[in-house]
C-alpha atoms as a PDB file:
ATOM      1  CA  MET A   1      56.613  71.371-178.719  1.00  0.00           C
ATOM      2  CA  THR A   2      57.971  74.177-176.809  1.00  0.00           C
ATOM      3  CA  HIS A   3      56.070  77.292-175.642  1.00  0.00           C
ATOM      4  CA  LEU A   4      57.984  79.837-176.584  1.00  0.00           C
ATOM      5  CA  SER A   5      55.866  82.595-174.297  1.00  0.00           C
ATOM      6  CA  PRO A   6      52.973  82.194-171.823  1.00  0.00           C
ATOM      7  CA  VAL A   7      51.062  84.112-174.552  1.00  0.00           C
ATOM      8  CA  PHE A   8      48.011  82.735-176.781  1.00  0.00           C
ATOM      9  CA  CYS A   9      47.141  84.908-179.455  1.00  0.00           C
ATOM     10  CA  ALA A  10      43.427  85.190-180.245  1.00  0.00           C
ATOM     11  CA  ILE A  11      43.058  84.829-184.109  1.00  0.00           C
ATOM     12  CA  ASP A  12      39.565  86.477-183.931  1.00  0.00           C
ATOM     13  CA  THR A  13      39.072  86.858-187.994  1.00  0.00           C
ATOM     14  CA  PRO A  14      36.569  84.518-190.293  1.00  0.00           C
ATOM     15  CA  ASP A  15      39.141  85.596-193.092  1.00  0.00           C
ATOM     16  CA  ALA A  16      41.398  82.786-193.181  1.00  0.00           C
ATOM     17  CA  ILE A  17      44.187  84.402-195.449  1.00  0.00           C
ATOM     18  CA  LYS A  18      44.030  87.180-193.091  1.00  0.00           C
ATOM     19  CA  ALA A  19      44.486  84.893-190.247  1.00  0.00           C
ATOM     20  CA  ILE A  20      47.445  82.765-191.880  1.00  0.00           C
ATOM     21  CA  SER A  21      49.527  86.277-192.916  1.00  0.00           C
ATOM     22  CA  LEU A  22      48.832  86.786-189.154  1.00  0.00           C
ATOM     23  CA  ALA A  23      49.772  84.077-187.604  1.00  0.00           C
ATOM     24  CA  SER A  24      53.131  83.846-189.668  1.00  0.00           C
ATOM     25  CA  LYS A  25      54.179  87.326-188.421  1.00  0.00           C
ATOM     26  CA  LEU A  26      53.838  86.193-184.762  1.00  0.00           C
ATOM     27  CA  LYS A  27      55.770  82.252-185.756  1.00  0.00           C
ATOM     28  CA  GLY A  28      58.669  83.011-182.602  1.00  0.00           C
ATOM     29  CA  ARG A  29      56.615  86.340-180.830  1.00  0.00           C
ATOM     30  CA  VAL A  30      53.924  84.305-178.948  1.00  0.00           C
ATOM     31  CA  GLY A  31      53.418  80.811-177.309  1.00  0.00           C
ATOM     32  CA  GLY A  32      50.599  79.358-179.425  1.00  0.00           C
ATOM     33  CA  LEU A  33      47.553  80.251-181.254  1.00  0.00           C
ATOM     34  CA  LYS A  34      43.688  80.601-180.196  1.00  0.00           C
ATOM     35  CA  PHE A  35      41.231  80.192-182.486  1.00  0.00           C
ATOM     36  CA  GLY A  36      37.804  80.727-181.444  1.00  0.00           C
ATOM     37  CA  LEU A  37      34.109  80.555-183.046  1.00  0.00           C
ATOM     38  CA  GLU A  38      34.384  83.430-185.393  1.00  0.00           C
ATOM     39  CA  TYR A  39      37.198  81.422-186.960  1.00  0.00           C
ATOM     40  CA  VAL A  40      35.757  78.183-186.682  1.00  0.00           C
ATOM     41  CA  MET A  41      32.274  78.554-187.739  1.00  0.00           C
ATOM     42  CA  ALA A  42      33.468  80.783-190.910  1.00  0.00           C
ATOM     43  CA  ASN A  43      36.376  78.023-191.807  1.00  0.00           C
ATOM     44  CA  GLY A  44      35.528  74.620-190.080  1.00  0.00           C
ATOM     45  CA  PRO A  45      37.929  72.632-188.140  1.00  0.00           C
ATOM     46  CA  GLN A  46      39.621  71.903-190.974  1.00  0.00           C
ATOM     47  CA  GLY A  47      40.084  75.576-191.645  1.00  0.00           C
ATOM     48  CA  VAL A  48      43.143  75.163-188.850  1.00  0.00           C
ATOM     49  CA  ILE A  49      45.087  72.295-189.987  1.00  0.00           C
ATOM     50  CA  PRO A  50      47.201  74.937-192.177  1.00  0.00           C
ATOM     51  CA  PHE A  51      48.278  76.173-189.039  1.00  0.00           C
ATOM     52  CA  ARG A  52      50.306  73.187-187.830  1.00  0.00           C
ATOM     53  CA  GLY A  53      52.949  74.292-190.330  1.00  0.00           C
ATOM     54  CA  LEU A  54      53.978  76.585-188.337  1.00  0.00           C
ATOM     55  CA  ASP A  55      54.874  74.511-185.661  1.00  0.00           C
ATOM     56  CA  MET A  56      52.421  76.431-182.774  1.00  0.00           C
ATOM     57  CA  PRO A  57      50.313  75.019-179.947  1.00  0.00           C
ATOM     58  CA  ILE A  58      46.755  75.211-181.135  1.00  0.00           C
ATOM     59  CA  PHE A  59      44.537  75.912-179.146  1.00  0.00           C
ATOM     60  CA  LEU A  60      40.229  75.540-180.181  1.00  0.00           C
ATOM     61  CA  ASP A  61      38.494  78.049-178.078  1.00  0.00           C
ATOM     62  CA  VAL A  62      34.806  76.434-179.201  1.00  0.00           C
ATOM     63  CA  LYS A  63      33.209  76.181-175.643  1.00  0.00           C
ATOM     64  CA  LEU A  64      31.399  72.872-176.258  1.00  0.00           C
ATOM     65  CA  HIS A  65      28.197  72.640-173.821  1.00  0.00           C
ATOM     66  CA  ASP A  66      25.269  70.183-175.113  1.00  0.00           C
ATOM     67  CA  ILE A  67      24.372  66.552-173.334  1.00  0.00           C
ATOM     68  CA  PRO A  68      27.192  64.556-172.486  1.00  0.00           C
ATOM     69  CA  ASN A  69      27.024  62.684-175.619  1.00  0.00           C
ATOM     70  CA  THR A  70      26.855  65.007-178.156  1.00  0.00           C
ATOM     71  CA  VAL A  71      29.633  66.890-176.501  1.00  0.00           C
ATOM     72  CA  ALA A  72      31.656  63.410-176.558  1.00  0.00           C
ATOM     73  CA  GLY A  73      30.642  63.362-180.398  1.00  0.00           C
ATOM     74  CA  ALA A  74      32.367  67.173-181.095  1.00  0.00           C
ATOM     75  CA  ILE A  75      35.662  66.142-179.182  1.00  0.00           C
ATOM     76  CA  THR A  76      35.972  63.204-181.156  1.00  0.00           C
ATOM     77  CA  SER A  77      35.154  65.149-184.411  1.00  0.00           C
ATOM     78  CA  LEU A  78      38.260  67.764-183.663  1.00  0.00           C
ATOM     79  CA  LEU A  79      40.196  65.244-182.755  1.00  0.00           C
ATOM     80  CA  PRO A  80      41.777  64.713-186.811  1.00  0.00           C
ATOM     81  CA  VAL A  81      42.680  68.763-186.649  1.00  0.00           C
ATOM     82  CA  GLU A  82      45.444  67.462-183.541  1.00  0.00           C
ATOM     83  CA  PRO A  83      44.268  70.433-181.343  1.00  0.00           C
ATOM     84  CA  ASP A  84      46.517  71.169-178.366  1.00  0.00           C
ATOM     85  CA  TYR A  85      43.619  72.630-175.843  1.00  0.00           C
ATOM     86  CA  ILE A  86      39.970  72.218-176.623  1.00  0.00           C
ATOM     87  CA  THR A  87      37.665  74.619-174.219  1.00  0.00           C
ATOM     88  CA  ILE A  88      34.378  72.678-172.406  1.00  0.00           C
ATOM     89  CA  HIS A  89      31.899  74.940-170.254  1.00  0.00           C
ATOM     90  CA  THR A  90      32.052  73.543-166.555  1.00  0.00           C
ATOM     91  CA  SER A  91      28.540  74.490-166.546  1.00  0.00           C
ATOM     92  CA  GLY A  92      27.615  71.510-168.460  1.00  0.00           C
ATOM     93  CA  GLY A  93      27.845  69.341-165.697  1.00  0.00           C
ATOM     94  CA  ALA A  94      30.358  66.388-164.419  1.00  0.00           C
ATOM     95  CA  ALA A  95      28.635  63.839-166.553  1.00  0.00           C
ATOM     96  CA  MET A  96      29.569  66.327-169.808  1.00  0.00           C
ATOM     97  CA  MET A  97      32.998  66.940-168.768  1.00  0.00           C
ATOM     98  CA  LYS A  98      33.937  63.267-168.008  1.00  0.00           C
ATOM     99  CA  ALA A  99      32.301  62.431-171.388  1.00  0.00           C
ATOM    100  CA  ALA A 100      34.824  64.755-172.944  1.00  0.00           C
ATOM    101  CA  VAL A 101      37.704  63.344-170.839  1.00  0.00           C
ATOM    102  CA  ASP A 102      36.708  59.925-171.999  1.00  0.00           C
ATOM    103  CA  ALA A 103      36.539  60.741-175.944  1.00  0.00           C
ATOM    104  CA  ALA A 104      39.639  63.155-175.832  1.00  0.00           C
ATOM    105  CA  SER A 105      41.618  59.826-173.909  1.00  0.00           C
ATOM    106  CA  ARG A 106      41.070  58.071-177.659  1.00  0.00           C
ATOM    107  CA  ALA A 107      42.632  59.846-179.644  1.00  0.00           C
ATOM    108  CA  LYS A 108      44.936  57.943-181.429  1.00  0.00           C
ATOM    109  CA  GLY A 109      48.019  60.793-182.044  1.00  0.00           C
ATOM    110  CA  LYS A 110      47.694  63.553-180.091  1.00  0.00           C
ATOM    111  CA  HIS A 111      45.444  63.723-176.836  1.00  0.00           C
ATOM    112  CA  PRO A 112      43.960  67.388-176.658  1.00  0.00           C
ATOM    113  CA  LYS A 113      44.241  68.808-173.069  1.00  0.00           C
ATOM    114  CA  LEU A 114      40.449  69.843-172.033  1.00  0.00           C
ATOM    115  CA  LEU A 115      40.077  73.412-170.549  1.00  0.00           C
ATOM    116  CA  GLY A 116      36.928  73.926-168.238  1.00  0.00           C
ATOM    117  CA  VAL A 117      35.240  77.465-169.256  1.00  0.00           C
ATOM    118  CA  THR A 118      33.872  79.105-165.842  1.00  0.00           C
ATOM    119  CA  VAL A 119      32.241  82.119-165.944  1.00  0.00           C
ATOM    120  CA  LEU A 120      33.044  84.357-169.371  1.00  0.00           C
ATOM    121  CA  THR A 121      34.904  87.350-168.735  1.00  0.00           C
ATOM    122  CA  SER A 122      32.820  89.660-169.726  1.00  0.00           C
ATOM    123  CA  LEU A 123      30.311  88.631-166.697  1.00  0.00           C
ATOM    124  CA  ASP A 124      30.603  89.791-163.754  1.00  0.00           C
ATOM    125  CA  SER A 125      28.032  89.602-160.451  1.00  0.00           C
ATOM    126  CA  THR A 126      25.378  91.605-162.044  1.00  0.00           C
ATOM    127  CA  ASP A 127      25.217  89.576-165.046  1.00  0.00           C
ATOM    128  CA  LEU A 128      24.911  86.507-163.431  1.00  0.00           C
ATOM    129  CA  LYS A 129      22.111  87.602-160.937  1.00  0.00           C
ATOM    130  CA  GLN A 130      20.249  88.342-164.489  1.00  0.00           C
ATOM    131  CA  VAL A 131      20.495  84.592-165.365  1.00  0.00           C
ATOM    132  CA  GLY A 132      19.668  83.539-162.261  1.00  0.00           C
ATOM    133  CA  GLN A 133      22.842  82.985-160.632  1.00  0.00           C
ATOM    134  CA  ASP A 134      22.893  84.996-157.517  1.00  0.00           C
ATOM    135  CA  THR A 135      26.355  84.274-156.282  1.00  0.00           C
ATOM    136  CA  ASP A 136      29.559  86.136-155.924  1.00  0.00           C
ATOM    137  CA  THR A 137      31.497  85.783-159.134  1.00  0.00           C
ATOM    138  CA  ALA A 138      34.490  84.158-157.553  1.00  0.00           C
ATOM    139  CA  ALA A 139      32.696  81.746-155.505  1.00  0.00           C
ATOM    140  CA  GLN A 140      30.791  80.744-158.979  1.00  0.00           C
ATOM    141  CA  VAL A 141      34.103  80.412-160.382  1.00  0.00           C
ATOM    142  CA  GLU A 142      35.989  78.402-157.824  1.00  0.00           C
ATOM    143  CA  ARG A 143      32.922  76.002-157.803  1.00  0.00           C
ATOM    144  CA  LEU A 144      32.638  75.130-160.922  1.00  0.00           C
ATOM    145  CA  ALA A 145      37.138  75.224-161.034  1.00  0.00           C
ATOM    146  CA  LEU A 146      36.746  72.529-158.500  1.00  0.00           C
ATOM    147  CA  LEU A 147      34.166  70.599-160.195  1.00  0.00           C
ATOM    148  CA  ALA A 148      36.465  70.779-163.564  1.00  0.00           C
ATOM    149  CA  LYS A 149      39.337  69.304-161.433  1.00  0.00           C
ATOM    150  CA  GLU A 150      36.908  66.012-159.979  1.00  0.00           C
ATOM    151  CA  SER A 151      35.710  65.477-163.459  1.00  0.00           C
ATOM    152  CA  GLY A 152      39.193  65.406-164.904  1.00  0.00           C
ATOM    153  CA  LEU A 153      39.788  68.171-167.038  1.00  0.00           C
ATOM    154  CA  ASP A 154      43.549  69.110-167.596  1.00  0.00           C
ATOM    155  CA  GLY A 155      42.926  73.017-166.681  1.00  0.00           C
ATOM    156  CA  ILE A 156      40.326  76.141-166.522  1.00  0.00           C
ATOM    157  CA  VAL A 157      39.866  79.151-168.316  1.00  0.00           C
ATOM    158  CA  CYS A 158      39.407  82.024-165.624  1.00  0.00           C
ATOM    159  CA  SER A 159      39.579  85.728-164.953  1.00  0.00           C
ATOM    160  CA  PRO A 160      42.592  87.062-163.791  1.00  0.00           C
ATOM    161  CA  ALA A 161      40.816  88.273-160.759  1.00  0.00           C
ATOM    162  CA  GLU A 162      40.641  84.463-159.567  1.00  0.00           C
ATOM    163  CA  VAL A 163      44.214  83.155-160.897  1.00  0.00           C
ATOM    164  CA  ALA A 164      45.595  83.664-157.209  1.00  0.00           C
ATOM    165  CA  ASN A 165      43.013  82.003-155.170  1.00  0.00           C
ATOM    166  CA  LEU A 166      42.432  79.224-157.787  1.00  0.00           C
ATOM    167  CA  ARG A 167      46.085  78.559-157.967  1.00  0.00           C
ATOM    168  CA  LYS A 168      45.736  77.778-154.126  1.00  0.00           C
ATOM    169  CA  VAL A 169      42.580  75.795-154.496  1.00  0.00           C
ATOM    170  CA  LEU A 170      43.602  73.821-157.070  1.00  0.00           C
ATOM    171  CA  GLY A 171      47.190  73.262-156.873  1.00  0.00           C
ATOM    172  CA  PRO A 172      50.506  73.486-159.090  1.00  0.00           C
ATOM    173  CA  ASP A 173      49.445  70.872-161.746  1.00  0.00           C
ATOM    174  CA  MET A 174      45.995  72.565-163.365  1.00  0.00           C
ATOM    175  CA  ILE A 175      46.497  74.986-166.387  1.00  0.00           C
ATOM    176  CA  LEU A 176      45.352  78.515-165.927  1.00  0.00           C
ATOM    177  CA  MET A 177      44.546  80.019-169.429  1.00  0.00           C
ATOM    178  CA  VAL A 178      43.792  83.343-168.556  1.00  0.00           C
ATOM    179  CA  PRO A 179      41.782  85.933-171.254  1.00  0.00           C
ATOM    180  CA  GLY A 180      40.814  89.269-170.077  1.00  0.00           C
ATOM    181  CA  ILE A 181      44.583  90.209-170.493  1.00  0.00           C
ATOM    182  CA  ARG A 182      45.639  93.788-171.254  1.00  0.00           C
ATOM    183  CA  PRO A 183      48.568  95.483-171.249  1.00  0.00           C
ATOM    184  CA  THR A 184      48.784  98.671-169.400  1.00  0.00           C
ATOM    185  CA  TRP A 185      49.127 100.192-173.071  1.00  0.00           C
ATOM    186  CA  ALA A 186      45.660  98.963-174.465  1.00  0.00           C
ATOM    187  CA  ALA A 187      41.882  99.580-173.864  1.00  0.00           C
ATOM    188  CA  ALA A 188      39.843  97.041-172.140  1.00  0.00           C
ATOM    189  CA  ASN A 189      37.015  97.125-174.882  1.00  0.00           C
ATOM    190  CA  ASP A 190      34.221  94.612-173.642  1.00  0.00           C
ATOM    191  CA  GLN A 191      36.222  92.692-170.872  1.00  0.00           C
ATOM    192  CA  LYS A 192      35.194  93.602-167.434  1.00  0.00           C
ATOM    193  CA  ARG A 193      37.894  91.758-165.418  1.00  0.00           C
ATOM    194  CA  VAL A 194      40.707  92.278-166.956  1.00  0.00           C
ATOM    195  CA  MET A 195      44.945  92.158-165.728  1.00  0.00           C
ATOM    196  CA  THR A 196      48.408  93.423-167.154  1.00  0.00           C
ATOM    197  CA  PRO A 197      50.006  90.389-168.299  1.00  0.00           C
ATOM    198  CA  ARG A 198      53.083  90.475-165.647  1.00  0.00           C
ATOM    199  CA  GLU A 199      50.314  91.088-162.545  1.00  0.00           C
ATOM    200  CA  ALA A 200      48.197  87.461-164.242  1.00  0.00           C
ATOM    201  CA  MET A 201      51.394  85.562-164.147  1.00  0.00           C
ATOM    202  CA  GLY A 202      52.516  86.810-161.120  1.00  0.00           C
ATOM    203  CA  ALA A 203      49.419  85.852-159.820  1.00  0.00           C
ATOM    204  CA  GLY A 204      49.621  82.414-161.376  1.00  0.00           C
ATOM    205  CA  ALA A 205      48.152  81.748-164.529  1.00  0.00           C
ATOM    206  CA  THR A 206      49.971  79.351-166.962  1.00  0.00           C
ATOM    207  CA  TYR A 207      49.228  80.558-170.110  1.00  0.00           C
ATOM    208  CA  LEU A 208      47.534  84.071-171.518  1.00  0.00           C
ATOM    209  CA  VAL A 209      45.096  85.031-173.997  1.00  0.00           C
ATOM    210  CA  ILE A 210      45.693  88.123-175.814  1.00  0.00           C
ATOM    211  CA  GLY A 211      43.787  89.338-178.976  1.00  0.00           C
ATOM    212  CA  ARG A 212      43.034  92.973-179.824  1.00  0.00           C
ATOM    213  CA  PRO A 213      46.384  94.292-178.382  1.00  0.00           C
ATOM    214  CA  ILE A 214      48.131  92.188-180.688  1.00  0.00           C
ATOM    215  CA  THR A 215      46.079  91.774-183.565  1.00  0.00           C
ATOM    216  CA  GLY A 216      44.625  95.366-183.796  1.00  0.00           C
ATOM    217  CA  ALA A 217      48.299  96.909-183.572  1.00  0.00           C
ATOM    218  CA  GLU A 218      49.450  98.636-186.742  1.00  0.00           C
ATOM    219  CA  ASP A 219      52.973  96.025-186.401  1.00  0.00           C
ATOM    220  CA  PRO A 220      51.143  92.738-184.682  1.00  0.00           C
ATOM    221  CA  ALA A 221      55.073  91.736-184.285  1.00  0.00           C
ATOM    222  CA  SER A 222      56.239  94.773-182.246  1.00  0.00           C
ATOM    223  CA  ALA A 223      53.077  94.495-180.078  1.00  0.00           C
ATOM    224  CA  ALA A 224      53.590  90.825-179.116  1.00  0.00           C
ATOM    225  CA  ASP A 225      57.162  91.388-178.363  1.00  0.00           C
ATOM    226  CA  ARG A 226      56.274  94.455-176.225  1.00  0.00           C
ATOM    227  CA  VAL A 227      53.703  92.456-174.398  1.00  0.00           C
ATOM    228  CA  THR A 228      56.583  89.646-173.768  1.00  0.00           C
ATOM    229  CA  GLN A 229      58.784  92.657-172.677  1.00  0.00           C
ATOM    230  CA  GLU A 230      56.231  93.520-170.317  1.00  0.00           C
ATOM    231  CA  ILE A 231      55.771  90.265-168.691  1.00  0.00           C
ATOM    232  CA  PHE A 232      59.798  89.561-168.051  1.00  0.00           C
ATOM    233  CA  ALA A 233      60.372  93.140-167.625  1.00  0.00           C
END
């Protein structure tokens, strides 16, 4: 399956009919579709199956975080959906991540790639201190990213602010899936660590996650084209 662009559009709606309508408009204009908790909790993992007919990569951003056995079981439960990517929290520890990798490897069909969530893009150093992580954001991201690599994950999810450093630290093969992307013409909203699409790709991102600048536009297809033009201008 070919990624037509590095952009995964975030389908952040609980409405399945609205979601499939939006996704159909974006076919050929974005590289894949990202489904987060809002959609999955409303429709279940099975609610993603109809989108496979669009022949677009599917990213389940469910951010699993629990004891190793439970996360492994959750990965196994998601395998019939045949997602291309699944997220888990790196802060769950090495044992949890290794259990997830083992579960994914047992897929009879497509083996999903596991991406580790490091520090949410809605958080900064002040937020980390409030939850007892008295460390620099970049240092925490690097620590968790290295743990993810050592644990066998295929890539990580990180802020664009850390992409350049992580590409050096992790090497060329780890997938860097990067949210917190805002085109020059879009508002930052609740993201605190943002970058433009072109800047993020230049820094070493593999894929970009973009939601509201596309989904909130009057013409989502044109907005997606505009993002692509900004990347490759």
